[in-house]
Amino acid sequence: MLTRRGVMAGGGALALAGQARAASPVTVLTPFGFIVDFLEVMNASSGGHFKAAGLDMQVLGAGGAAAAVQQLAAGRCQFTRGAAIDVMKAMSAQKDLALVSVATIFQGSTFFVISNSAKPIEKAEDFRGKRLGVVSIGGTTENFLDLMLKKVGVPKTEVPREVVGNNPGSFALVQQGRIDGFIATSNVVEALQQQKAPILAWSTDRYAKMPSQSYFTTQAVIDRQPDLVLAFVKAMKASADEMVRGPLEPILDRAAVQFEIPGIRDKPGLIRTVRGDIDLWLSEGPQNLMRNIPALWQSARDSVAEAGLADIPDVTKVYTNRFIDEAARG
């Protein structure tokens, strides 16, 4: 399901400078609606960065990571934000599918294993015999779960999973004994910590260090519309730069006028989450903001191959720094 409300940054057609006529509608898709983790995408619209780059974009939200990748593969959007693990798995399953990361925003993992500190899941070996919550079947959280199980030699059949929300309310299921733990994004950890919930949380980076969230398009879009890709990357870089500089509160307020952001009544909490996100953006150093780090991509390729999730013969074809380098040159 796609989510939309006030998400048009104009009429939905591309209007690059010097282009005589409007092209087909251009869309960027987030995997999970308009949660605050996607503020940089929302800010590219509400902050005027798409417009400044000559783009007339629509921003939509999907109902899961797998759905977002499918929409991109089917040509129903030109860009999406997604996890390397999901894209490599999709490309391995569909050999003619050529998706490319044109920039990486989260260098460190946004996903955490969360359990009750009174009955903690301290390591992947502890998954055996536990019922774990995932955000969606076939999505990023389940892919990371399968990868970690393979790393420690625990059969998937010994770890039942249940779909839960990517929100703090999922911890109630742990407290009720319905699940033993769940995998969710960093904003859920932040919210639970603010509530002083008795949690133990640790990053999936412990078992599989890889690019967490990148902006993907297809090789076909790159080949046919390189100016479009460059304009998109420039707009996203400008949005990220504005957020790094801050202040964040007016940026959040401005985005909330255009998008339905869950939890907006707790602005201090959302701002803490975004600050934590920015730390992950910069985890490879400010000089590498939005760059694809070859060593992380190679680690991703090796990890998914070892886990039997995907076979990517040449991972250098899954990412490019061509556009972020050109954007940096102005």
Protein backbone atom coordinates (compact mmCIF):
# COMPACT_ATOMS: atom_id res chain seq x y z
CA MET A 1 0.00 0.00 0.00
CA LEU A 2 1.28 3.45 -0.89
CA THR A 3 0.78 6.33 1.50
CA ARG A 4 0.13 9.81 0.18
CA ARG A 5 -1.10 13.05 1.69
CA GLY A 6 0.19 16.45 0.61
CA VAL A 7 3.15 14.65 -0.87
CA MET A 8 3.33 16.33 -4.25
CA ALA A 9 6.28 18.67 -4.51
CA GLY A 10 4.57 20.33 -7.44
CA GLY A 11 2.63 18.60 -10.20
CA GLY A 12 4.60 15.36 -10.27
CA ALA A 13 6.46 15.96 -13.54
CA LEU A 14 10.17 16.54 -14.09
CA ALA A 15 11.12 20.08 -15.05
CA LEU A 16 14.88 20.19 -15.49
CA ALA A 17 16.39 23.52 -16.47
CA GLY A 18 16.72 23.82 -20.21
CA GLN A 19 14.25 21.01 -20.88
CA ALA A 20 11.60 22.14 -23.34
CA ARG A 21 8.77 19.87 -22.21
CA ALA A 22 7.82 18.04 -19.05
CA ALA A 23 8.80 14.38 -18.85
CA SER A 24 6.91 11.53 -17.18
CA PRO A 25 6.11 11.88 -13.47
CA VAL A 26 9.11 11.31 -11.19
CA THR A 27 8.60 9.60 -7.84
CA VAL A 28 10.75 8.81 -4.82
CA LEU A 29 9.40 6.10 -2.53
CA THR A 30 10.14 5.56 1.15
CA PRO A 31 9.81 1.97 2.44
CA PHE A 32 7.69 2.82 5.51
CA GLY A 33 5.49 5.83 4.99
CA PHE A 34 6.61 9.08 6.59
CA ILE A 35 8.28 8.02 9.82
CA VAL A 36 10.83 10.54 11.02
CA ASP A 37 13.72 8.32 9.87
CA PHE A 38 12.90 9.55 6.37
CA LEU A 39 12.98 13.23 7.30
CA GLU A 40 15.78 13.97 4.82
CA VAL A 41 13.53 12.73 1.97
CA MET A 42 10.60 14.79 3.23
CA ASN A 43 12.85 17.81 3.74
CA ALA A 44 14.10 17.58 0.16
CA SER A 45 10.50 18.38 -0.79
CA SER A 46 9.28 20.65 2.00
CA GLY A 47 12.62 22.50 2.16
CA GLY A 48 12.59 23.25 -1.56
CA HIS A 49 15.70 21.22 -2.42
CA PHE A 50 13.99 19.22 -5.18
CA LYS A 51 12.70 22.46 -6.67
CA ALA A 52 16.13 24.10 -6.45
CA ALA A 53 17.60 21.14 -8.34
CA GLY A 54 15.02 21.61 -11.10
CA LEU A 55 12.85 18.69 -10.04
CA ASP A 56 9.10 18.49 -9.65
CA MET A 57 8.82 15.33 -7.53
CA GLN A 58 6.20 13.34 -5.73
CA VAL A 59 7.13 11.61 -2.47
CA LEU A 60 5.20 8.47 -1.57
CA GLY A 61 5.45 5.91 1.22
CA ALA A 62 5.28 2.13 0.75
CA GLY A 63 4.18 -0.49 3.23
CA GLY A 64 7.47 -2.32 3.57
CA ALA A 65 11.04 -2.68 2.28
CA ALA A 66 10.25 -5.56 -0.07
CA ALA A 67 7.32 -3.64 -1.57
CA ALA A 68 9.50 -0.58 -2.18
CA VAL A 69 12.11 -2.63 -4.05
CA GLN A 70 9.37 -4.27 -6.12
CA GLN A 71 7.91 -0.88 -7.05
CA LEU A 72 11.34 0.33 -8.20
CA ALA A 73 11.99 -2.85 -10.16
CA ALA A 74 8.60 -2.52 -11.86
CA GLY A 75 9.32 1.08 -12.89
CA ARG A 76 6.55 2.56 -10.75
CA CYS A 77 9.03 4.91 -9.11
CA GLN A 78 12.44 6.19 -10.15
CA PHE A 79 14.08 6.23 -6.73
CA THR A 80 13.67 4.56 -3.38
CA ARG A 81 15.58 4.39 -0.12
CA GLY A 82 16.43 0.87 0.89
CA ALA A 83 18.83 -1.52 2.56
CA ALA A 84 21.73 -3.11 0.71
CA ILE A 85 20.72 -6.56 1.98
CA ASP A 86 17.23 -6.29 0.42
CA VAL A 87 18.47 -5.06 -2.93
CA MET A 88 21.19 -7.69 -3.26
CA LYS A 89 18.71 -10.43 -2.38
CA ALA A 90 16.27 -9.13 -5.01
CA MET A 91 19.00 -8.90 -7.65
CA SER A 92 20.22 -12.40 -6.89
CA ALA A 93 16.69 -13.78 -7.29
CA GLN A 94 16.04 -11.86 -10.52
CA LYS A 95 19.21 -11.99 -12.59
CA ASP A 96 18.13 -9.33 -15.09
CA LEU A 97 17.35 -6.82 -12.31
CA ALA A 98 19.98 -4.07 -12.22
CA LEU A 99 19.56 -1.73 -9.24
CA VAL A 100 22.25 0.77 -8.29
CA SER A 101 22.93 2.75 -5.12
CA VAL A 102 23.65 6.32 -6.20
CA ALA A 103 24.36 7.43 -2.60
CA THR A 104 24.36 5.94 0.90
CA ILE A 105 22.80 7.97 3.71
CA PHE A 106 23.09 5.56 6.67
CA GLN A 107 26.61 4.12 6.83
CA GLY A 108 25.80 2.30 10.10
CA SER A 109 22.86 -0.03 10.71
CA THR A 110 19.48 1.44 11.60
CA PHE A 111 18.27 -1.95 12.85
CA PHE A 112 18.45 -3.28 16.40
CA VAL A 113 17.53 -6.47 18.20
CA ILE A 114 15.34 -5.48 21.16
CA SER A 115 14.46 -7.67 24.15
CA ASN A 116 13.46 -7.39 27.80
CA SER A 117 16.50 -6.82 30.01
CA ALA A 118 14.93 -9.20 32.53
CA LYS A 119 14.95 -11.98 29.87
CA PRO A 120 17.62 -10.67 27.54
CA ILE A 121 18.60 -11.85 24.10
CA GLU A 122 22.27 -10.99 24.33
CA LYS A 123 23.57 -12.55 21.12
CA ALA A 124 22.38 -14.27 17.97
CA GLU A 125 23.00 -17.71 19.48
CA ASP A 126 20.22 -16.87 21.95
CA PHE A 127 17.69 -16.77 19.09
CA ARG A 128 17.37 -20.56 19.18
CA GLY A 129 13.87 -21.50 20.32
CA LYS A 130 12.77 -17.85 20.60
CA ARG A 131 9.83 -16.24 18.81
CA LEU A 132 11.01 -12.98 17.23
CA GLY A 133 9.11 -10.04 15.80
CA VAL A 134 9.96 -8.67 12.35
CA VAL A 135 8.50 -5.62 10.64
CA SER A 136 7.51 -7.47 7.46
CA ILE A 137 7.89 -10.91 5.94
CA GLY A 138 10.63 -10.87 3.32
CA GLY A 139 11.71 -7.36 4.36
CA THR A 140 14.92 -5.99 5.84
CA THR A 141 14.38 -7.15 9.41
CA GLU A 142 13.65 -10.73 8.39
CA ASN A 143 16.63 -10.71 6.02
CA PHE A 144 18.90 -9.57 8.84
CA LEU A 145 17.44 -12.23 11.12
CA ASP A 146 18.15 -14.96 8.56
CA LEU A 147 21.66 -13.62 8.01
CA MET A 148 22.46 -13.62 11.73
CA LEU A 149 21.05 -17.13 12.17
CA LYS A 150 23.26 -18.41 9.37
CA LYS A 151 26.31 -16.68 10.89
CA VAL A 152 25.89 -18.55 14.18
CA GLY A 153 24.62 -21.83 12.78
CA VAL A 154 21.04 -21.72 14.12
CA PRO A 155 18.46 -23.23 11.69
CA LYS A 156 15.68 -20.88 10.62
CA THR A 157 13.13 -23.53 11.52
CA GLU A 158 14.08 -23.14 15.18
CA VAL A 159 13.24 -19.43 15.27
CA PRO A 160 9.57 -18.68 14.56
CA ARG A 161 8.80 -15.10 13.62
CA GLU A 162 5.78 -12.86 13.85
CA VAL A 163 5.00 -9.58 12.07
CA VAL A 164 4.92 -6.66 14.52
CA GLY A 165 4.89 -2.89 14.14
CA ASN A 166 8.02 -0.80 13.79
CA ASN A 167 7.02 1.15 16.88
CA PRO A 168 7.53 1.17 20.67
CA GLY A 169 4.19 -0.60 21.17
CA SER A 170 5.79 -3.84 19.97
CA PHE A 171 7.65 -4.06 23.27
CA ALA A 172 4.30 -4.70 24.96
CA LEU A 173 4.18 -8.00 23.07
CA VAL A 174 7.51 -8.89 24.67
CA GLN A 175 6.25 -7.98 28.12
CA GLN A 176 3.12 -10.08 27.54
CA GLY A 177 5.26 -13.06 26.54
CA ARG A 178 3.80 -13.26 23.03
CA ILE A 179 7.26 -12.77 21.51
CA ASP A 180 10.74 -12.95 23.04
CA GLY A 181 12.18 -9.98 21.18
CA PHE A 182 11.92 -8.08 17.92
CA ILE A 183 14.00 -6.27 15.32
CA ALA A 184 13.18 -2.62 14.68
CA THR A 185 14.76 0.68 13.73
CA SER A 186 16.81 3.00 15.90
CA ASN A 187 13.90 5.41 16.44
CA VAL A 188 12.04 2.63 18.29
CA VAL A 189 15.05 2.11 20.57
CA GLU A 190 15.23 5.85 21.22
CA ALA A 191 11.55 6.04 22.11
CA LEU A 192 11.73 3.05 24.46
CA GLN A 193 14.80 4.49 26.18
CA GLN A 194 12.96 7.77 26.70
CA GLN A 195 10.11 5.79 28.25
CA LYS A 196 12.70 4.10 30.51
CA ALA A 197 11.47 0.73 29.29
CA PRO A 198 13.55 -2.21 30.57
CA ILE A 199 15.14 -3.07 27.24
CA LEU A 200 18.38 -4.54 25.95
CA ALA A 201 19.15 -3.41 22.39
CA TRP A 202 22.07 -4.10 20.10
CA SER A 203 22.84 -3.30 16.47
CA THR A 204 22.80 -5.82 13.64
CA ASP A 205 26.19 -4.32 12.68
CA ARG A 206 27.61 -6.74 15.26
CA TYR A 207 27.11 -9.61 12.80
CA ALA A 208 26.95 -7.93 9.43
CA LYS A 209 28.53 -4.52 8.92
CA MET A 210 27.23 -3.09 5.67
CA PRO A 211 25.64 0.03 4.16
CA SER A 212 22.32 0.36 5.94
CA GLN A 213 20.22 2.75 3.86
CA SER A 214 21.00 3.90 0.33
CA TYR A 215 19.18 5.69 -2.48
CA PHE A 216 18.58 3.26 -5.31
CA THR A 217 17.55 3.63 -8.90
CA THR A 218 17.77 1.30 -11.89
CA GLN A 219 20.65 1.07 -14.33
CA ALA A 220 18.12 1.87 -17.05
CA VAL A 221 17.29 5.22 -15.43
CA ILE A 222 21.00 5.99 -15.08
CA ASP A 223 21.62 5.16 -18.74
CA ARG A 224 18.62 7.09 -20.09
CA GLN A 225 18.37 10.01 -17.64
CA PRO A 226 21.72 10.73 -15.99
CA ASP A 227 20.76 14.40 -15.52
CA LEU A 228 17.71 13.31 -13.55
CA VAL A 229 19.84 11.12 -11.28
CA LEU A 230 22.35 13.92 -10.72
CA ALA A 231 19.58 16.39 -9.88
CA PHE A 232 18.10 13.91 -7.39
CA VAL A 233 21.45 13.32 -5.68
CA LYS A 234 22.13 17.06 -5.52
CA ALA A 235 18.73 17.65 -3.88
CA MET A 236 19.26 14.85 -1.33
CA LYS A 237 22.77 16.10 -0.52
CA ALA A 238 21.45 19.63 0.02
CA SER A 239 18.71 18.29 2.30
CA ALA A 240 21.18 16.22 4.33
CA ASP A 241 23.61 19.14 4.59
CA GLU A 242 20.84 21.41 5.90
CA MET A 243 19.90 18.84 8.54
CA VAL A 244 23.52 18.34 9.64
CA ARG A 245 23.86 22.10 10.07
CA GLY A 246 20.53 22.40 11.90
CA PRO A 247 18.60 23.55 13.77
CA LEU A 248 16.28 20.57 13.36
CA GLU A 249 13.06 21.83 14.94
CA PRO A 250 12.07 24.26 12.14
CA ILE A 251 12.97 21.59 9.56
CA LEU A 252 10.67 19.12 11.29
CA ASP A 253 7.89 21.71 11.66
CA ARG A 254 8.08 22.57 7.98
CA ALA A 255 7.94 18.90 6.91
CA ALA A 256 4.98 18.23 9.23
CA VAL A 257 2.89 20.75 7.28
CA GLN A 258 3.22 18.61 4.15
CA PHE A 259 3.52 15.09 5.57
CA GLU A 260 1.72 13.08 8.24
CA ILE A 261 4.66 12.23 10.50
CA PRO A 262 3.80 9.65 13.19
CA GLY A 263 4.46 10.85 16.74
CA ILE A 264 4.69 14.54 15.75
CA ARG A 265 3.18 15.57 19.10
CA ASP A 266 6.42 14.46 20.72
CA LYS A 267 8.71 16.77 18.80
CA PRO A 268 11.60 16.57 21.31
CA GLY A 269 11.56 12.78 21.00
CA LEU A 270 11.53 12.90 17.21
CA ILE A 271 14.39 15.39 17.18
CA ARG A 272 16.44 13.09 19.44
CA THR A 273 15.78 10.29 16.97
CA VAL A 274 16.93 12.42 14.03
CA ARG A 275 20.10 13.42 15.88
CA GLY A 276 20.82 9.74 16.42
CA ASP A 277 20.18 9.13 12.72
CA ILE A 278 22.64 11.86 11.76
CA ASP A 279 25.30 10.19 13.90
CA LEU A 280 24.84 7.08 11.73
CA TRP A 281 24.99 9.19 8.57
CA LEU A 282 28.40 10.42 9.70
CA SER A 283 29.75 7.19 11.17
CA GLU A 284 32.36 6.94 8.40
CA GLY A 285 33.30 10.60 8.87
CA PRO A 286 31.70 13.82 7.57
CA GLN A 287 33.85 13.62 4.43
CA ASN A 288 31.97 10.45 3.51
CA LEU A 289 28.46 11.80 3.97
CA MET A 290 26.33 10.07 1.31
CA ARG A 291 29.28 8.30 -0.31
CA ASN A 292 29.21 4.60 -1.07
CA ILE A 293 32.06 3.04 0.92
CA PRO A 294 33.59 0.18 -1.13
CA ALA A 295 34.75 -1.76 1.95
CA LEU A 296 31.23 -1.74 3.41
CA TRP A 297 29.73 -2.92 0.13
CA GLN A 298 32.28 -5.73 -0.10
CA SER A 299 31.47 -6.73 3.49
CA ALA A 300 27.78 -6.75 2.56
CA ARG A 301 28.40 -8.91 -0.47
CA ASP A 302 30.49 -11.38 1.52
CA SER A 303 27.98 -11.55 4.40
CA VAL A 304 24.93 -12.24 2.22
CA ALA A 305 26.86 -14.82 0.19
CA GLU A 306 28.04 -16.60 3.34
CA ALA A 307 24.46 -16.65 4.64
CA GLY A 308 23.17 -18.03 1.34
CA LEU A 309 20.85 -15.05 0.89
CA ALA A 310 22.32 -13.71 -2.33
CA ASP A 311 25.09 -14.27 -4.82
CA ILE A 312 26.44 -11.01 -6.27
CA PRO A 313 29.52 -11.79 -8.40
CA ASP A 314 30.64 -8.15 -8.74
CA VAL A 315 29.36 -5.86 -6.01
CA THR A 316 30.95 -2.79 -7.64
CA LYS A 317 28.07 -2.88 -10.14
CA VAL A 318 25.57 -2.32 -7.30
CA TYR A 319 26.84 1.15 -6.39
CA THR A 320 28.39 4.23 -7.93
CA ASN A 321 29.92 7.44 -6.58
CA ARG A 322 29.71 9.10 -9.97
CA PHE A 323 26.79 11.35 -9.03
CA ILE A 324 27.75 12.20 -5.45
CA ASP A 325 31.24 13.17 -6.70
CA GLU A 326 29.72 15.41 -9.36
CA ALA A 327 27.27 16.90 -6.83
CA ALA A 328 30.16 17.71 -4.49
CA ARG A 329 31.91 19.60 -7.29
CA GLY A 330 28.80 21.80 -7.56
